[in-house]
C-alpha atoms as a PDB file:
ATOM      1  CA  MET A   1       3.950 128.036  87.669  1.00  0.00           C
ATOM      2  CA  LEU A   2       3.448 124.250  87.800  1.00  0.00           C
ATOM      3  CA  ARG A   3      -0.115 123.787  88.952  1.00  0.00           C
ATOM      4  CA  GLY A   4      -3.004 125.920  90.054  1.00  0.00           C
ATOM      5  CA  PHE A   5      -6.155 127.619  89.032  1.00  0.00           C
ATOM      6  CA  GLU A   6      -6.985 130.582  86.684  1.00  0.00           C
ATOM      7  CA  ILE A   7     -10.201 132.454  85.995  1.00  0.00           C
ATOM      8  CA  PHE A   8     -11.879 131.057  82.863  1.00  0.00           C
ATOM      9  CA  SER A   9     -12.316 133.412  79.898  1.00  0.00           C
ATOM     10  CA  GLY A  10     -15.508 135.374  80.204  1.00  0.00           C
ATOM     11  CA  TYR A  11     -15.523 135.290  84.016  1.00  0.00           C
ATOM     12  CA  GLU A  12     -12.715 137.776  84.645  1.00  0.00           C
ATOM     13  CA  ASN A  13     -14.964 140.523  86.062  1.00  0.00           C
ATOM     14  CA  CYS A  14     -17.468 138.330  87.815  1.00  0.00           C
ATOM     15  CA  GLY A  15     -16.007 138.185  91.356  1.00  0.00           C
ATOM     16  CA  ILE A  16     -14.646 134.678  91.024  1.00  0.00           C
ATOM     17  CA  ASN A  17     -12.283 133.573  93.831  1.00  0.00           C
ATOM     18  CA  LEU A  18      -9.370 131.345  93.142  1.00  0.00           C
ATOM     19  CA  PRO A  19      -9.635 128.096  95.229  1.00  0.00           C
ATOM     20  CA  THR A  20      -7.792 127.917  98.514  1.00  0.00           C
ATOM     21  CA  ARG A  21      -7.201 125.265 101.151  1.00  0.00           C
ATOM     22  CA  ARG A  22      -8.960 126.185 104.368  1.00  0.00           C
ATOM     23  CA  THR A  23      -6.279 124.820 106.757  1.00  0.00           C
ATOM     24  CA  ALA A  24      -2.602 123.874 106.595  1.00  0.00           C
ATOM     25  CA  LEU A  25      -3.410 120.173 106.396  1.00  0.00           C
ATOM     26  CA  SER A  26      -6.333 120.300 103.989  1.00  0.00           C
ATOM     27  CA  ALA A  27      -5.776 118.271 100.820  1.00  0.00           C
ATOM     28  CA  GLY A  28      -8.564 119.899  98.829  1.00  0.00           C
ATOM     29  CA  TYR A  29      -8.942 123.316  97.304  1.00  0.00           C
ATOM     30  CA  ASP A  30     -12.450 124.632  97.773  1.00  0.00           C
ATOM     31  CA  LEU A  31     -14.254 125.438  94.449  1.00  0.00           C
ATOM     32  CA  GLU A  32     -17.084 127.939  94.460  1.00  0.00           C
ATOM     33  CA  ALA A  33     -20.145 128.222  92.234  1.00  0.00           C
ATOM     34  CA  ALA A  34     -19.804 131.060  89.729  1.00  0.00           C
ATOM     35  CA  GLU A  35     -23.552 131.468  89.379  1.00  0.00           C
ATOM     36  CA  ASN A  36     -26.798 130.627  91.141  1.00  0.00           C
ATOM     37  CA  VAL A  37     -28.094 127.304  90.072  1.00  0.00           C
ATOM     38  CA  LEU A  38     -31.189 125.214  91.250  1.00  0.00           C
ATOM     39  CA  VAL A  39     -30.155 121.631  91.660  1.00  0.00           C
ATOM     40  CA  SER A  40     -33.029 119.082  91.654  1.00  0.00           C
ATOM     41  CA  ASN A  41     -33.480 115.451  90.776  1.00  0.00           C
ATOM     42  CA  LYS A  42     -32.151 116.142  87.241  1.00  0.00           C
ATOM     43  CA  ILE A  43     -28.547 116.912  86.452  1.00  0.00           C
ATOM     44  CA  ALA A  44     -27.720 120.593  86.814  1.00  0.00           C
ATOM     45  CA  LEU A  45     -24.444 122.044  85.481  1.00  0.00           C
ATOM     46  CA  VAL A  46     -22.767 124.284  88.087  1.00  0.00           C
ATOM     47  CA  PRO A  47     -20.128 126.565  86.556  1.00  0.00           C
ATOM     48  CA  THR A  48     -17.038 127.437  88.614  1.00  0.00           C
ATOM     49  CA  GLY A  49     -15.605 130.158  86.362  1.00  0.00           C
ATOM     50  CA  LEU A  50     -12.251 128.310  86.679  1.00  0.00           C
ATOM     51  CA  LYS A  51      -9.774 126.351  84.682  1.00  0.00           C
ATOM     52  CA  ALA A  52      -6.814 124.351  86.081  1.00  0.00           C
ATOM     53  CA  PHE A  53      -3.319 123.779  85.004  1.00  0.00           C
ATOM     54  CA  MET A  54      -0.880 121.089  86.093  1.00  0.00           C
ATOM     55  CA  LEU A  55       2.071 118.958  84.950  1.00  0.00           C
ATOM     56  CA  PRO A  56       1.526 116.264  82.287  1.00  0.00           C
ATOM     57  CA  ASP A  57       1.552 113.413  84.792  1.00  0.00           C
ATOM     58  CA  GLU A  58      -0.991 114.961  87.174  1.00  0.00           C
ATOM     59  CA  VAL A  59      -4.779 115.125  87.381  1.00  0.00           C
ATOM     60  CA  LEU A  60      -7.235 117.288  89.330  1.00  0.00           C
ATOM     61  CA  LEU A  61      -9.818 115.150  91.068  1.00  0.00           C
ATOM     62  CA  VAL A  62     -13.013 116.999  92.088  1.00  0.00           C
ATOM     63  CA  TYR A  63     -15.277 115.790  94.865  1.00  0.00           C
ATOM     64  CA  ILE A  64     -18.499 117.130  96.342  1.00  0.00           C
ATOM     65  CA  ARG A  65     -17.983 118.847  99.730  1.00  0.00           C
ATOM     66  CA  SER A  66     -19.006 116.354 102.376  1.00  0.00           C
ATOM     67  CA  SER A  67     -21.161 118.856 104.205  1.00  0.00           C
ATOM     68  CA  LEU A  68     -23.322 119.339 101.107  1.00  0.00           C
ATOM     69  CA  ALA A  69     -23.576 115.542 100.594  1.00  0.00           C
ATOM     70  CA  VAL A  70     -24.559 114.850 104.238  1.00  0.00           C
ATOM     71  CA  ARG A  71     -26.725 117.901 105.032  1.00  0.00           C
ATOM     72  CA  HIS A  72     -28.432 118.401 101.689  1.00  0.00           C
ATOM     73  CA  ALA A  73     -28.154 115.064  99.783  1.00  0.00           C
ATOM     74  CA  LEU A  74     -26.199 116.629  96.955  1.00  0.00           C
ATOM     75  CA  THR A  75     -23.783 114.654  94.792  1.00  0.00           C
ATOM     76  CA  LEU A  76     -21.756 114.961  91.668  1.00  0.00           C
ATOM     77  CA  ALA A  77     -23.552 113.065  88.950  1.00  0.00           C
ATOM     78  CA  ASN A  78     -20.232 111.518  87.813  1.00  0.00           C
ATOM     79  CA  GLY A  79     -19.120 110.704  91.360  1.00  0.00           C
ATOM     80  CA  VAL A  80     -15.672 112.142  90.988  1.00  0.00           C
ATOM     81  CA  GLY A  81     -14.694 114.702  88.436  1.00  0.00           C
ATOM     82  CA  VAL A  82     -11.515 113.988  86.524  1.00  0.00           C
ATOM     83  CA  ILE A  83      -9.690 117.049  85.047  1.00  0.00           C
ATOM     84  CA  ASP A  84      -6.890 115.944  82.798  1.00  0.00           C
ATOM     85  CA  ALA A  85      -3.753 118.066  82.330  1.00  0.00           C
ATOM     86  CA  ASP A  86      -4.630 118.750  78.739  1.00  0.00           C
ATOM     87  CA  TYR A  87      -8.228 119.807  79.409  1.00  0.00           C
ATOM     88  CA  GLY A  88      -7.728 123.564  79.817  1.00  0.00           C
ATOM     89  CA  GLY A  89     -11.494 124.167  79.657  1.00  0.00           C
ATOM     90  CA  HIS A  90     -14.072 125.529  82.081  1.00  0.00           C
ATOM     91  CA  ILE A  91     -14.531 123.371  85.217  1.00  0.00           C
ATOM     92  CA  ILE A  92     -18.283 122.727  85.274  1.00  0.00           C
ATOM     93  CA  LEU A  93     -19.749 120.462  87.915  1.00  0.00           C
ATOM     94  CA  PRO A  94     -22.626 118.106  87.026  1.00  0.00           C
ATOM     95  CA  MET A  95     -24.647 118.029  90.279  1.00  0.00           C
ATOM     96  CA  ILE A  96     -27.849 116.257  91.324  1.00  0.00           C
ATOM     97  CA  SER A  97     -29.939 116.431  94.480  1.00  0.00           C
ATOM     98  CA  LEU A  98     -31.189 113.239  96.000  1.00  0.00           C
ATOM     99  CA  GLY A  99     -33.314 115.147  98.654  1.00  0.00           C
ATOM    100  CA  GLY A 100     -35.391 117.709  96.740  1.00  0.00           C
ATOM    101  CA  ASP A 101     -34.624 121.135  95.244  1.00  0.00           C
ATOM    102  CA  PHE A 102     -31.481 122.954  96.568  1.00  0.00           C
ATOM    103  CA  GLU A 103     -30.424 126.384  95.556  1.00  0.00           C
ATOM    104  CA  ILE A 104     -26.668 126.739  94.946  1.00  0.00           C
ATOM    105  CA  CYS A 105     -25.697 130.432  95.397  1.00  0.00           C
ATOM    106  CA  LYS A 106     -22.902 132.192  93.671  1.00  0.00           C
ATOM    107  CA  GLY A 107     -19.829 132.074  95.846  1.00  0.00           C
ATOM    108  CA  MET A 108     -20.963 128.893  97.778  1.00  0.00           C
ATOM    109  CA  ARG A 109     -18.137 126.391  98.239  1.00  0.00           C
ATOM    110  CA  VAL A 110     -19.562 123.318  96.485  1.00  0.00           C
ATOM    111  CA  ALA A 111     -16.637 121.001  95.720  1.00  0.00           C
ATOM    112  CA  GLN A 112     -12.963 120.437  96.411  1.00  0.00           C
ATOM    113  CA  GLY A 113     -10.240 119.683  94.025  1.00  0.00           C
ATOM    114  CA  ILE A 114      -7.153 117.594  94.821  1.00  0.00           C
ATOM    115  CA  PHE A 115      -4.119 117.559  92.463  1.00  0.00           C
ATOM    116  CA  GLN A 116      -2.568 114.103  92.243  1.00  0.00           C
ATOM    117  CA  LYS A 117       0.239 112.399  90.211  1.00  0.00           C
ATOM    118  CA  TYR A 118      -0.791 109.231  88.353  1.00  0.00           C
ATOM    119  CA  LEU A 119       0.998 106.239  86.911  1.00  0.00           C
ATOM    120  CA  PRO A 120       0.274 104.889  83.384  1.00  0.00           C
ATOM    121  CA  ALA A 121       0.249 101.150  82.849  1.00  0.00           C
ATOM    122  CA  ASP A 122       3.361  99.425  81.449  1.00  0.00           C
ATOM    123  CA  GLY A 123       3.357  99.571  77.714  1.00  0.00           C
ATOM    124  CA  ASP A 124       0.739 102.282  77.532  1.00  0.00           C
ATOM    125  CA  THR A 125       1.013 104.110  74.211  1.00  0.00           C
ATOM    126  CA  ILE A 126      -2.577 105.271  73.662  1.00  0.00           C
ATOM    127  CA  GLY A 127      -1.795 108.876  74.562  1.00  0.00           C
ATOM    128  CA  VAL A 128       1.504 109.141  72.795  1.00  0.00           C
ATOM    129  CA  GLY A 129       1.283 111.978  70.332  1.00  0.00           C
ATOM    130  CA  ALA A 130      -2.539 112.431  70.789  1.00  0.00           C
ATOM    131  CA  VAL A 131      -3.645 115.974  71.334  1.00  0.00           C
ATOM    132  CA  ARG A 132      -7.005 117.002  72.817  1.00  0.00           C
ATOM    133  CA  THR A 133      -9.048 119.095  70.442  1.00  0.00           C
ATOM    134  CA  GLY A 134     -12.275 119.714  72.434  1.00  0.00           C
ATOM    135  CA  ARG A 135     -13.405 120.605  75.854  1.00  0.00           C
ATOM    136  CA  PHE A 136     -16.111 119.139  78.156  1.00  0.00           C
ATOM    137  CA  GLY A 137     -16.468 115.451  77.307  1.00  0.00           C
ATOM    138  CA  SER A 138     -14.069 115.758  74.386  1.00  0.00           C
ATOM    139  CA  THR A 139     -12.377 112.301  74.745  1.00  0.00           C
ATOM    140  CA  GLY A 140     -15.481 110.627  73.458  1.00  0.00           C
ATOM    141  CA  ASP A 141     -18.831 109.340  74.614  1.00  0.00           C
ATOM    142  CA  PHE A 142     -19.811 105.953  75.995  1.00  0.00           C
END
């Protein structure tokens, strides 16, 4: 298979649903929360129990579901999640509430992921031969 989702190790028997598109013209695959998490005015990490796989020149972009943003003032702390093709780790969503405490319940659709191709800049050699060795935040800090 070229691109898609798998259950992350340790979540195989936890009732995790693989993401689906809700309509024929939907771009995004709905990602569900794998656990109950209280989101407040501090960053909360919402596990999905998923990992993604894709071709080397693709990326999975993750966005908050617009209904959660509008109705409940929830947002991803990083704005848009960027899942690189070589990540292979657990997709965890850093969420924050701008409108008070909000309980994310297991199975709630909280984000949507869109697979996209990307183009490197001419002469780009930074990634040639480099191999990711870590997981979440593994390409370095600020």
